[in-house]
């Protein structure tokens, strides 16, 4: 079975996360520029309130047996400093029931 790992990370951490995944043997990643807010409801700088903050969503599909390692790799490379900070992001994990290669039409196991 395969698992989809979606990580929302700070834009300035994207290259570090992608590099860590590549070095760990997981080069296949889809990247989206996204905007949103977490529990902190955006950020206030001076008198200006920013409701949506730019982030990057990284998606990868990995074998179930590698899921924990991939999550740890993302967490370690996406975290700000040694303790982390608000806005470092989230990781969402879900099972992949079916997967197909479009060019061949082959269903993958």
PDB file of N, CA and C in Angstrom:
ATOM      1  N   UNK A   1       0.852  -1.181   0.000  1.00  0.00           N
ATOM      2  CA  UNK A   1       0.000   0.000   0.000  1.00  0.00           C
ATOM      3  C   UNK A   1       0.893   1.237   0.000  1.00  0.00           C
ATOM      4  N   UNK A   2       0.375   2.315  -0.545  1.00  0.00           N
ATOM      5  CA  UNK A   2       1.096   3.579  -0.633  1.00  0.00           C
ATOM      6  C   UNK A   2       0.434   4.615   0.280  1.00  0.00           C
ATOM      7  N   UNK A   3       1.207   5.614   0.662  1.00  0.00           N
ATOM      8  CA  UNK A   3       0.718   6.694   1.515  1.00  0.00           C
ATOM      9  C   UNK A   3       1.051   8.027   0.867  1.00  0.00           C
ATOM     10  N   UNK A   4       0.087   8.952   0.890  1.00  0.00           N
ATOM     11  CA  UNK A   4       0.329  10.303   0.393  1.00  0.00           C
ATOM     12  C   UNK A   4       0.663  11.198   1.577  1.00  0.00           C
ATOM     13  N   UNK A   5       1.801  11.889   1.469  1.00  0.00           N
ATOM     14  CA  UNK A   5       2.242  12.817   2.498  1.00  0.00           C
ATOM     15  C   UNK A   5       2.181  14.212   1.893  1.00  0.00           C
ATOM     16  N   UNK A   6       1.364  15.084   2.502  1.00  0.00           N
ATOM     17  CA  UNK A   6       1.252  16.478   2.069  1.00  0.00           C
ATOM     18  C   UNK A   6       1.817  17.358   3.171  1.00  0.00           C
ATOM     19  N   UNK A   7       2.783  18.167   2.815  1.00  0.00           N
ATOM     20  CA  UNK A   7       3.421  19.047   3.799  1.00  0.00           C
ATOM     21  C   UNK A   7       3.229  20.489   3.365  1.00  0.00           C
ATOM     22  N   UNK A   8       2.750  21.314   4.293  1.00  0.00           N
ATOM     23  CA  UNK A   8       2.646  22.757   4.079  1.00  0.00           C
ATOM     24  C   UNK A   8       3.829  23.363   4.829  1.00  0.00           C
ATOM     25  N   UNK A   9       4.738  24.024   4.099  1.00  0.00           N
ATOM     26  CA  UNK A   9       5.966  24.534   4.720  1.00  0.00           C
ATOM     27  C   UNK A   9       6.191  25.997   4.358  1.00  0.00           C
ATOM     28  N   UNK A  10       7.063  26.638   5.118  1.00  0.00           N
ATOM     29  CA  UNK A  10       7.458  28.013   4.823  1.00  0.00           C
ATOM     30  C   UNK A  10       8.185  28.036   3.468  1.00  0.00           C
ATOM     31  N   UNK A  11       7.930  29.053   2.637  1.00  0.00           N
ATOM     32  CA  UNK A  11       8.597  29.130   1.329  1.00  0.00           C
ATOM     33  C   UNK A  11      10.119  29.101   1.437  1.00  0.00           C
ATOM     34  N   UNK A  12      10.674  29.735   2.461  1.00  0.00           N
ATOM     35  CA  UNK A  12      12.132  29.783   2.594  1.00  0.00           C
ATOM     36  C   UNK A  12      12.733  28.435   3.004  1.00  0.00           C
ATOM     37  N   UNK A  13      11.895  27.481   3.406  1.00  0.00           N
ATOM     38  CA  UNK A  13      12.365  26.151   3.796  1.00  0.00           C
ATOM     39  C   UNK A  13      12.191  25.126   2.672  1.00  0.00           C
ATOM     40  N   UNK A  14      11.554  25.519   1.585  1.00  0.00           N
ATOM     41  CA  UNK A  14      11.229  24.575   0.515  1.00  0.00           C
ATOM     42  C   UNK A  14      12.461  23.875  -0.052  1.00  0.00           C
ATOM     43  N   UNK A  15      13.474  24.631  -0.419  1.00  0.00           N
ATOM     44  CA  UNK A  15      14.671  24.019  -1.004  1.00  0.00           C
ATOM     45  C   UNK A  15      15.345  23.052  -0.040  1.00  0.00           C
ATOM     46  N   UNK A  16      15.351  23.407   1.223  1.00  0.00           N
ATOM     47  CA  UNK A  16      15.955  22.543   2.240  1.00  0.00           C
ATOM     48  C   UNK A  16      15.187  21.221   2.364  1.00  0.00           C
ATOM     49  N   UNK A  17      13.852  21.310   2.345  1.00  0.00           N
ATOM     50  CA  UNK A  17      13.031  20.097   2.436  1.00  0.00           C
ATOM     51  C   UNK A  17      13.210  19.234   1.186  1.00  0.00           C
ATOM     52  N   UNK A  18      13.160  19.864   0.012  1.00  0.00           N
ATOM     53  CA  UNK A  18      13.331  19.112  -1.235  1.00  0.00           C
ATOM     54  C   UNK A  18      14.689  18.430  -1.291  1.00  0.00           C
ATOM     55  N   UNK A  19      15.716  19.124  -0.852  1.00  0.00           N
ATOM     56  CA  UNK A  19      17.062  18.560  -0.830  1.00  0.00           C
ATOM     57  C   UNK A  19      17.145  17.381   0.141  1.00  0.00           C
ATOM     58  N   UNK A  20      16.541  17.524   1.310  1.00  0.00           N
ATOM     59  CA  UNK A  20      16.552  16.445   2.302  1.00  0.00           C
ATOM     60  C   UNK A  20      15.816  15.214   1.774  1.00  0.00           C
ATOM     61  N   UNK A  21      14.687  15.428   1.096  1.00  0.00           N
ATOM     62  CA  UNK A  21      13.956  14.298   0.520  1.00  0.00           C
ATOM     63  C   UNK A  21      14.765  13.626  -0.585  1.00  0.00           C
ATOM     64  N   UNK A  22      15.413  14.429  -1.415  1.00  0.00           N
ATOM     65  CA  UNK A  22      16.250  13.878  -2.490  1.00  0.00           C
ATOM     66  C   UNK A  22      17.386  13.045  -1.899  1.00  0.00           C
ATOM     67  N   UNK A  23      18.065  13.601  -0.908  1.00  0.00           N
ATOM     68  CA  UNK A  23      19.178  12.895  -0.273  1.00  0.00           C
ATOM     69  C   UNK A  23      18.720  11.603   0.410  1.00  0.00           C
ATOM     70  N   UNK A  24      17.459  11.592   0.869  1.00  0.00           N
ATOM     71  CA  UNK A  24      16.918  10.414   1.553  1.00  0.00           C
ATOM     72  C   UNK A  24      16.387   9.371   0.570  1.00  0.00           C
ATOM     73  N   UNK A  25      16.422   9.703  -0.732  1.00  0.00           N
ATOM     74  CA  UNK A  25      15.980   8.740  -1.736  1.00  0.00           C
ATOM     75  C   UNK A  25      14.546   8.896  -2.186  1.00  0.00           C
ATOM     76  N   UNK A  26      13.964  10.080  -1.946  1.00  0.00           N
ATOM     77  CA  UNK A  26      12.580  10.338  -2.335  1.00  0.00           C
ATOM     78  C   UNK A  26      12.527  11.585  -3.219  1.00  0.00           C
ATOM     79  N   UNK A  27      12.940  11.454  -4.490  1.00  0.00           N
ATOM     80  CA  UNK A  27      13.011  12.621  -5.375  1.00  0.00           C
ATOM     81  C   UNK A  27      11.669  13.047  -5.963  1.00  0.00           C
ATOM     82  N   UNK A  28      10.677  12.165  -5.974  1.00  0.00           N
ATOM     83  CA  UNK A  28       9.395  12.458  -6.619  1.00  0.00           C
ATOM     84  C   UNK A  28       8.507  13.292  -5.702  1.00  0.00           C
ATOM     85  N   UNK A  29       8.395  14.575  -6.017  1.00  0.00           N
ATOM     86  CA  UNK A  29       7.609  15.508  -5.201  1.00  0.00           C
ATOM     87  C   UNK A  29       6.867  16.462  -6.127  1.00  0.00           C
ATOM     88  N   UNK A  30       5.626  16.765  -5.790  1.00  0.00           N
ATOM     89  CA  UNK A  30       4.862  17.793  -6.493  1.00  0.00           C
ATOM     90  C   UNK A  30       4.814  19.013  -5.592  1.00  0.00           C
ATOM     91  N   UNK A  31       5.009  20.199  -6.184  1.00  0.00           N
ATOM     92  CA  UNK A  31       5.109  21.437  -5.396  1.00  0.00           C
ATOM     93  C   UNK A  31       4.065  22.444  -5.878  1.00  0.00           C
ATOM     94  N   UNK A  32       3.344  23.039  -4.925  1.00  0.00           N
ATOM     95  CA  UNK A  32       2.353  24.076  -5.195  1.00  0.00           C
ATOM     96  C   UNK A  32       2.642  25.294  -4.328  1.00  0.00           C
ATOM     97  N   UNK A  33       2.501  26.482  -4.880  1.00  0.00           N
ATOM     98  CA  UNK A  33       2.497  27.694  -4.063  1.00  0.00           C
ATOM     99  C   UNK A  33       1.069  27.879  -3.572  1.00  0.00           C
ATOM    100  N   UNK A  34       0.908  28.016  -2.272  1.00  0.00           N
ATOM    101  CA  UNK A  34      -0.412  28.158  -1.666  1.00  0.00           C
ATOM    102  C   UNK A  34      -0.387  29.326  -0.682  1.00  0.00           C
ATOM    103  N   UNK A  35      -1.550  29.700  -0.194  1.00  0.00           N
ATOM    104  CA  UNK A  35      -1.648  30.727   0.847  1.00  0.00           C
ATOM    105  C   UNK A  35      -2.714  30.282   1.831  1.00  0.00           C
ATOM    106  N   UNK A  36      -2.507  30.601   3.093  1.00  0.00           N
ATOM    107  CA  UNK A  36      -3.485  30.228   4.098  1.00  0.00           C
ATOM    108  C   UNK A  36      -3.074  30.726   5.464  1.00  0.00           C
ATOM    109  N   UNK A  37      -3.770  30.214   6.456  1.00  0.00           N
ATOM    110  CA  UNK A  37      -3.453  30.603   7.831  1.00  0.00           C
ATOM    111  C   UNK A  37      -3.745  29.423   8.742  1.00  0.00           C
ATOM    112  N   UNK A  38      -3.052  29.403   9.841  1.00  0.00           N
ATOM    113  CA  UNK A  38      -3.253  28.351  10.831  1.00  0.00           C
ATOM    114  C   UNK A  38      -3.976  28.895  12.035  1.00  0.00           C
ATOM    115  N   UNK A  39      -3.707  28.306  13.179  1.00  0.00           N
ATOM    116  CA  UNK A  39      -4.359  28.713  14.422  1.00  0.00           C
ATOM    117  C   UNK A  39      -4.095  30.173  14.768  1.00  0.00           C
ATOM    118  N   UNK A  40      -2.936  30.677  14.332  1.00  0.00           N
ATOM    119  CA  UNK A  40      -2.587  32.052  14.682  1.00  0.00           C
ATOM    120  C   UNK A  40      -3.409  33.076  13.899  1.00  0.00           C
ATOM    121  N   UNK A  41      -4.223  32.618  12.941  1.00  0.00           N
ATOM    122  CA  UNK A  41      -5.131  33.484  12.158  1.00  0.00           C
ATOM    123  C   UNK A  41      -4.393  34.568  11.393  1.00  0.00           C
ATOM    124  N   UNK A  42      -3.281  34.217  10.800  1.00  0.00           N
ATOM    125  CA  UNK A  42      -2.518  35.197  10.039  1.00  0.00           C
ATOM    126  C   UNK A  42      -1.460  35.839  10.914  1.00  0.00           C
ATOM    127  N   UNK A  43      -1.053  37.023  10.498  1.00  0.00           N
ATOM    128  CA  UNK A  43      -0.002  37.728  11.229  1.00  0.00           C
ATOM    129  C   UNK A  43      -0.268  39.227  11.162  1.00  0.00           C
ATOM    130  N   UNK A  44       0.046  39.919  12.235  1.00  0.00           N
ATOM    131  CA  UNK A  44      -0.119  41.365  12.275  1.00  0.00           C
ATOM    132  C   UNK A  44       1.262  42.007  12.354  1.00  0.00           C
ATOM    133  N   UNK A  45       1.537  42.868  11.390  1.00  0.00           N
ATOM    134  CA  UNK A  45       2.801  43.603  11.362  1.00  0.00           C
ATOM    135  C   UNK A  45       2.450  45.085  11.417  1.00  0.00           C
ATOM    136  N   UNK A  46       2.781  45.701  12.537  1.00  0.00           N
ATOM    137  CA  UNK A  46       2.371  47.089  12.741  1.00  0.00           C
ATOM    138  C   UNK A  46       0.860  47.156  12.829  1.00  0.00           C
ATOM    139  N   UNK A  47       0.257  47.976  12.000  1.00  0.00           N
ATOM    140  CA  UNK A  47      -1.205  48.111  11.978  1.00  0.00           C
ATOM    141  C   UNK A  47      -1.855  47.251  10.902  1.00  0.00           C
ATOM    142  N   UNK A  48      -1.047  46.530  10.136  1.00  0.00           N
ATOM    143  CA  UNK A  48      -1.582  45.744   9.017  1.00  0.00           C
ATOM    144  C   UNK A  48      -1.740  44.286   9.428  1.00  0.00           C
ATOM    145  N   UNK A  49      -2.942  43.742   9.184  1.00  0.00           N
ATOM    146  CA  UNK A  49      -3.243  42.340   9.463  1.00  0.00           C
ATOM    147  C   UNK A  49      -3.203  41.561   8.145  1.00  0.00           C
ATOM    148  N   UNK A  50      -2.360  40.536   8.070  1.00  0.00           N
ATOM    149  CA  UNK A  50      -2.289  39.662   6.903  1.00  0.00           C
ATOM    150  C   UNK A  50      -3.031  38.376   7.240  1.00  0.00           C
ATOM    151  N   UNK A  51      -4.196  38.174   6.607  1.00  0.00           N
ATOM    152  CA  UNK A  51      -5.018  37.001   6.908  1.00  0.00           C
ATOM    153  C   UNK A  51      -4.487  35.727   6.271  1.00  0.00           C
ATOM    154  N   UNK A  52      -3.836  35.859   5.120  1.00  0.00           N
ATOM    155  CA  UNK A  52      -3.298  34.690   4.440  1.00  0.00           C
ATOM    156  C   UNK A  52      -1.797  34.873   4.248  1.00  0.00           C
ATOM    157  N   UNK A  53      -1.072  33.833   4.564  1.00  0.00           N
ATOM    158  CA  UNK A  53       0.389  33.869   4.512  1.00  0.00           C
ATOM    159  C   UNK A  53       0.849  32.901   3.417  1.00  0.00           C
ATOM    160  N   UNK A  54       1.804  33.316   2.587  1.00  0.00           N
ATOM    161  CA  UNK A  54       2.298  32.409   1.548  1.00  0.00           C
ATOM    162  C   UNK A  54       2.994  31.191   2.154  1.00  0.00           C
ATOM    163  N   UNK A  55       2.686  30.035   1.601  1.00  0.00           N
ATOM    164  CA  UNK A  55       3.297  28.767   1.998  1.00  0.00           C
ATOM    165  C   UNK A  55       3.536  27.956   0.730  1.00  0.00           C
ATOM    166  N   UNK A  56       4.183  26.812   0.887  1.00  0.00           N
ATOM    167  CA  UNK A  56       4.376  25.880  -0.217  1.00  0.00           C
ATOM    168  C   UNK A  56       3.852  24.521   0.230  1.00  0.00           C
ATOM    169  N   UNK A  57       3.068  23.868  -0.649  1.00  0.00           N
ATOM    170  CA  UNK A  57       2.596  22.516  -0.365  1.00  0.00           C
ATOM    171  C   UNK A  57       3.433  21.539  -1.183  1.00  0.00           C
ATOM    172  N   UNK A  58       4.004  20.567  -0.492  1.00  0.00           N
ATOM    173  CA  UNK A  58       4.771  19.509  -1.132  1.00  0.00           C
ATOM    174  C   UNK A  58       4.003  18.206  -0.966  1.00  0.00           C
ATOM    175  N   UNK A  59       3.848  17.479  -2.061  1.00  0.00           N
ATOM    176  CA  UNK A  59       3.115  16.212  -2.026  1.00  0.00           C
ATOM    177  C   UNK A  59       4.018  15.105  -2.537  1.00  0.00           C
ATOM    178  N   UNK A  60       4.080  14.029  -1.784  1.00  0.00           N
ATOM    179  CA  UNK A  60       4.794  12.854  -2.269  1.00  0.00           C
ATOM    180  C   UNK A  60       4.021  11.608  -1.868  1.00  0.00           C
ATOM    181  N   UNK A  61       4.131  10.591  -2.696  1.00  0.00           N
ATOM    182  CA  UNK A  61       3.505   9.302  -2.429  1.00  0.00           C
ATOM    183  C   UNK A  61       4.628   8.306  -2.204  1.00  0.00           C
ATOM    184  N   UNK A  62       4.571   7.642  -1.063  1.00  0.00           N
ATOM    185  CA  UNK A  62       5.659   6.743  -0.658  1.00  0.00           C
ATOM    186  C   UNK A  62       5.083   5.409  -0.180  1.00  0.00           C
ATOM    187  N   UNK A  63       5.889   4.364  -0.217  1.00  0.00           N
ATOM    188  CA  UNK A  63       5.434   3.089   0.364  1.00  0.00           C
ATOM    189  C   UNK A  63       5.143   3.265   1.858  1.00  0.00           C
ATOM    190  N   UNK A  64       4.145   2.548   2.342  1.00  0.00           N
ATOM    191  CA  UNK A  64       3.778   2.633   3.761  1.00  0.00           C
ATOM    192  C   UNK A  64       4.975   2.441   4.680  1.00  0.00           C
ATOM    193  N   UNK A  65       5.866   1.541   4.310  1.00  0.00           N
ATOM    194  CA  UNK A  65       7.011   1.235   5.181  1.00  0.00           C
ATOM    195  C   UNK A  65       7.972   2.424   5.313  1.00  0.00           C
ATOM    196  N   UNK A  66       7.913   3.393   4.391  1.00  0.00           N
ATOM    197  CA  UNK A  66       8.793   4.561   4.426  1.00  0.00           C
ATOM    198  C   UNK A  66       8.122   5.817   4.990  1.00  0.00           C
ATOM    199  N   UNK A  67       6.838   5.729   5.285  1.00  0.00           N
ATOM    200  CA  UNK A  67       6.055   6.886   5.719  1.00  0.00           C
ATOM    201  C   UNK A  67       6.686   7.613   6.908  1.00  0.00           C
ATOM    202  N   UNK A  68       6.996   6.912   7.972  1.00  0.00           N
ATOM    203  CA  UNK A  68       7.533   7.553   9.181  1.00  0.00           C
ATOM    204  C   UNK A  68       8.870   8.237   8.907  1.00  0.00           C
ATOM    205  N   UNK A  69       9.717   7.597   8.097  1.00  0.00           N
ATOM    206  CA  UNK A  69      11.011   8.174   7.760  1.00  0.00           C
ATOM    207  C   UNK A  69      10.845   9.463   6.951  1.00  0.00           C
ATOM    208  N   UNK A  70       9.922   9.458   5.998  1.00  0.00           N
ATOM    209  CA  UNK A  70       9.669  10.649   5.171  1.00  0.00           C
ATOM    210  C   UNK A  70       9.119  11.782   6.036  1.00  0.00           C
ATOM    211  N   UNK A  71       8.196  11.478   6.925  1.00  0.00           N
ATOM    212  CA  UNK A  71       7.626  12.498   7.819  1.00  0.00           C
ATOM    213  C   UNK A  71       8.729  13.086   8.699  1.00  0.00           C
ATOM    214  N   UNK A  72       9.581  12.256   9.252  1.00  0.00           N
ATOM    215  CA  UNK A  72      10.683  12.737  10.094  1.00  0.00           C
ATOM    216  C   UNK A  72      11.626  13.618   9.286  1.00  0.00           C
ATOM    217  N   UNK A  73      11.928  13.213   8.061  1.00  0.00           N
ATOM    218  CA  UNK A  73      12.818  13.986   7.188  1.00  0.00           C
ATOM    219  C   UNK A  73      12.233  15.369   6.911  1.00  0.00           C
ATOM    220  N   UNK A  74      10.941  15.425   6.615  1.00  0.00           N
ATOM    221  CA  UNK A  74      10.284  16.712   6.350  1.00  0.00           C
ATOM    222  C   UNK A  74      10.281  17.570   7.610  1.00  0.00           C
ATOM    223  N   UNK A  75       9.903  16.980   8.744  1.00  0.00           N
ATOM    224  CA  UNK A  75       9.846  17.754   9.990  1.00  0.00           C
ATOM    225  C   UNK A  75      11.190  18.357  10.353  1.00  0.00           C
ATOM    226  N   UNK A  76      12.229  17.560  10.257  1.00  0.00           N
ATOM    227  CA  UNK A  76      13.558  18.045  10.636  1.00  0.00           C
ATOM    228  C   UNK A  76      14.057  19.145   9.699  1.00  0.00           C
ATOM    229  N   UNK A  77      13.747  19.047   8.422  1.00  0.00           N
ATOM    230  CA  UNK A  77      14.252  20.036   7.467  1.00  0.00           C
ATOM    231  C   UNK A  77      13.359  21.264   7.354  1.00  0.00           C
ATOM    232  N   UNK A  78      12.096  21.160   7.744  1.00  0.00           N
ATOM    233  CA  UNK A  78      11.169  22.297   7.638  1.00  0.00           C
ATOM    234  C   UNK A  78      11.079  23.118   8.925  1.00  0.00           C
ATOM    235  N   UNK A  79      11.550  22.574  10.027  1.00  0.00           N
ATOM    236  CA  UNK A  79      11.440  23.246  11.325  1.00  0.00           C
ATOM    237  C   UNK A  79      12.381  24.447  11.405  1.00  0.00           C
ATOM    238  N   UNK A  80      11.868  25.541  11.953  1.00  0.00           N
ATOM    239  CA  UNK A  80      12.686  26.745  12.171  1.00  0.00           C
ATOM    240  C   UNK A  80      13.444  26.603  13.477  1.00  0.00           C
ATOM    241  N   UNK A  81      14.761  26.668  13.412  1.00  0.00           N
ATOM    242  CA  UNK A  81      15.565  26.544  14.617  1.00  0.00           C
ATOM    243  C   UNK A  81      15.454  25.169  15.223  1.00  0.00           C
ATOM    244  N   UNK A  82      15.933  25.015  16.445  1.00  0.00           N
ATOM    245  CA  UNK A  82      15.921  23.699  17.081  1.00  0.00           C
ATOM    246  C   UNK A  82      14.572  23.342  17.702  1.00  0.00           C
ATOM    247  N   UNK A  83      13.798  24.368  18.073  1.00  0.00           N
ATOM    248  CA  UNK A  83      12.514  24.108  18.725  1.00  0.00           C
ATOM    249  C   UNK A  83      11.315  24.372  17.831  1.00  0.00           C
ATOM    250  N   UNK A  84      11.525  24.978  16.666  1.00  0.00           N
ATOM    251  CA  UNK A  84      10.419  25.300  15.788  1.00  0.00           C
ATOM    252  C   UNK A  84       9.730  26.588  16.202  1.00  0.00           C
ATOM    253  N   UNK A  85       8.778  27.024  15.363  1.00  0.00           N
ATOM    254  CA  UNK A  85       8.053  28.267  15.618  1.00  0.00           C
ATOM    255  C   UNK A  85       6.667  28.182  14.993  1.00  0.00           C
ATOM    256  N   UNK A  86       5.756  29.047  15.481  1.00  0.00           N
ATOM    257  CA  UNK A  86       4.436  29.134  14.861  1.00  0.00           C
ATOM    258  C   UNK A  86       4.612  29.410  13.381  1.00  0.00           C
ATOM    259  N   UNK A  87       3.811  28.756  12.561  1.00  0.00           N
ATOM    260  CA  UNK A  87       3.878  28.976  11.126  1.00  0.00           C
ATOM    261  C   UNK A  87       4.842  28.074  10.389  1.00  0.00           C
ATOM    262  N   UNK A  88       5.472  27.127  11.088  1.00  0.00           N
ATOM    263  CA  UNK A  88       6.388  26.206  10.408  1.00  0.00           C
ATOM    264  C   UNK A  88       5.644  25.269   9.468  1.00  0.00           C
ATOM    265  N   UNK A  89       4.369  25.044   9.704  1.00  0.00           N
ATOM    266  CA  UNK A  89       3.574  24.249   8.779  1.00  0.00           C
ATOM    267  C   UNK A  89       2.913  23.045   9.405  1.00  0.00           C
ATOM    268  N   UNK A  90       2.361  22.199   8.531  1.00  0.00           N
ATOM    269  CA  UNK A  90       1.648  20.980   8.933  1.00  0.00           C
ATOM    270  C   UNK A  90       1.976  19.886   7.937  1.00  0.00           C
ATOM    271  N   UNK A  91       1.814  18.648   8.396  1.00  0.00           N
ATOM    272  CA  UNK A  91       1.947  17.482   7.528  1.00  0.00           C
ATOM    273  C   UNK A  91       0.646  16.694   7.631  1.00  0.00           C
ATOM    274  N   UNK A  92       0.093  16.363   6.471  1.00  0.00           N
ATOM    275  CA  UNK A  92      -1.139  15.574   6.396  1.00  0.00           C
ATOM    276  C   UNK A  92      -0.812  14.242   5.730  1.00  0.00           C
ATOM    277  N   UNK A  93      -1.326  13.162   6.288  1.00  0.00           N
ATOM    278  CA  UNK A  93      -1.023  11.820   5.792  1.00  0.00           C
ATOM    279  C   UNK A  93      -2.329  11.104   5.479  1.00  0.00           C
ATOM    280  N   UNK A  94      -2.389  10.475   4.291  1.00  0.00           N
ATOM    281  CA  UNK A  94      -3.589   9.727   3.930  1.00  0.00           C
ATOM    282  C   UNK A  94      -3.217   8.530   3.057  1.00  0.00           C
ATOM    283  N   UNK A  95      -4.027   7.480   3.138  1.00  0.00           N
ATOM    284  CA  UNK A  95      -3.753   6.293   2.317  1.00  0.00           C
ATOM    285  C   UNK A  95      -4.069   6.571   0.848  1.00  0.00           C
ATOM    286  N   UNK A  96      -3.336   5.901  -0.030  1.00  0.00           N
ATOM    287  CA  UNK A  96      -3.600   5.976  -1.466  1.00  0.00           C
ATOM    288  C   UNK A  96      -4.218   4.638  -1.855  1.00  0.00           C
ATOM    289  N   UNK A  97      -5.478   4.679  -2.263  1.00  0.00           N
ATOM    290  CA  UNK A  97      -6.179   3.440  -2.588  1.00  0.00           C
ATOM    291  C   UNK A  97      -5.804   2.904  -3.961  1.00  0.00           C
ATOM    292  N   UNK A  98      -5.672   3.795  -4.947  1.00  0.00           N
ATOM    293  CA  UNK A  98      -5.320   3.382  -6.292  1.00  0.00           C
ATOM    294  C   UNK A  98      -4.393   4.417  -6.905  1.00  0.00           C
ATOM    295  N   UNK A  99      -3.571   3.947  -7.864  1.00  0.00           N
ATOM    296  CA  UNK A  99      -2.620   4.837  -8.521  1.00  0.00           C
ATOM    297  C   UNK A  99      -2.423   4.313  -9.947  1.00  0.00           C
ATOM    298  N   UNK A 100      -2.464   5.222 -10.925  1.00  0.00           N
ATOM    299  CA  UNK A 100      -2.327   4.847 -12.325  1.00  0.00           C
ATOM    300  C   UNK A 100      -1.255   5.699 -12.993  1.00  0.00           C
ATOM    301  N   UNK A 101      -0.524   5.111 -13.936  1.00  0.00           N
ATOM    302  CA  UNK A 101       0.394   5.863 -14.779  1.00  0.00           C
ATOM    303  C   UNK A 101      -0.374   6.244 -16.039  1.00  0.00           C
ATOM    304  N   UNK A 102      -0.499   7.540 -16.275  1.00  0.00           N
ATOM    305  CA  UNK A 102      -1.322   8.013 -17.388  1.00  0.00           C
ATOM    306  C   UNK A 102      -0.793   7.550 -18.734  1.00  0.00           C
ATOM    307  N   UNK A 103       0.518   7.620 -18.962  1.00  0.00           N
ATOM    308  CA  UNK A 103       1.064   7.291 -20.286  1.00  0.00           C
ATOM    309  C   UNK A 103       0.805   5.841 -20.689  1.00  0.00           C
ATOM    310  N   UNK A 104       0.866   4.914 -19.735  1.00  0.00           N
ATOM    311  CA  UNK A 104       0.674   3.498 -20.058  1.00  0.00           C
ATOM    312  C   UNK A 104      -0.714   2.988 -19.707  1.00  0.00           C
ATOM    313  N   UNK A 105      -1.404   3.714 -18.831  1.00  0.00           N
ATOM    314  CA  UNK A 105      -2.703   3.258 -18.368  1.00  0.00           C
ATOM    315  C   UNK A 105      -2.607   2.137 -17.348  1.00  0.00           C
ATOM    316  N   UNK A 106      -1.398   1.854 -16.877  1.00  0.00           N
ATOM    317  CA  UNK A 106      -1.173   0.739 -15.957  1.00  0.00           C
ATOM    318  C   UNK A 106      -1.506   1.169 -14.530  1.00  0.00           C
ATOM    319  N   UNK A 107      -2.261   0.299 -13.863  1.00  0.00           N
ATOM    320  CA  UNK A 107      -2.557   0.498 -12.440  1.00  0.00           C
ATOM    321  C   UNK A 107      -1.365   0.005 -11.649  1.00  0.00           C
ATOM    322  N   UNK A 108      -0.881   0.850 -10.738  1.00  0.00           N
ATOM    323  CA  UNK A 108       0.283   0.476  -9.924  1.00  0.00           C
ATOM    324  C   UNK A 108      -0.168  -0.118  -8.611  1.00  0.00           C
ATOM    325  N   UNK A 109       0.649  -0.995  -8.091  1.00  0.00           N
ATOM    326  CA  UNK A 109       0.318  -1.656  -6.816  1.00  0.00           C
ATOM    327  C   UNK A 109       0.730  -0.823  -5.650  1.00  0.00           C
TER     328      UNK A 109
END
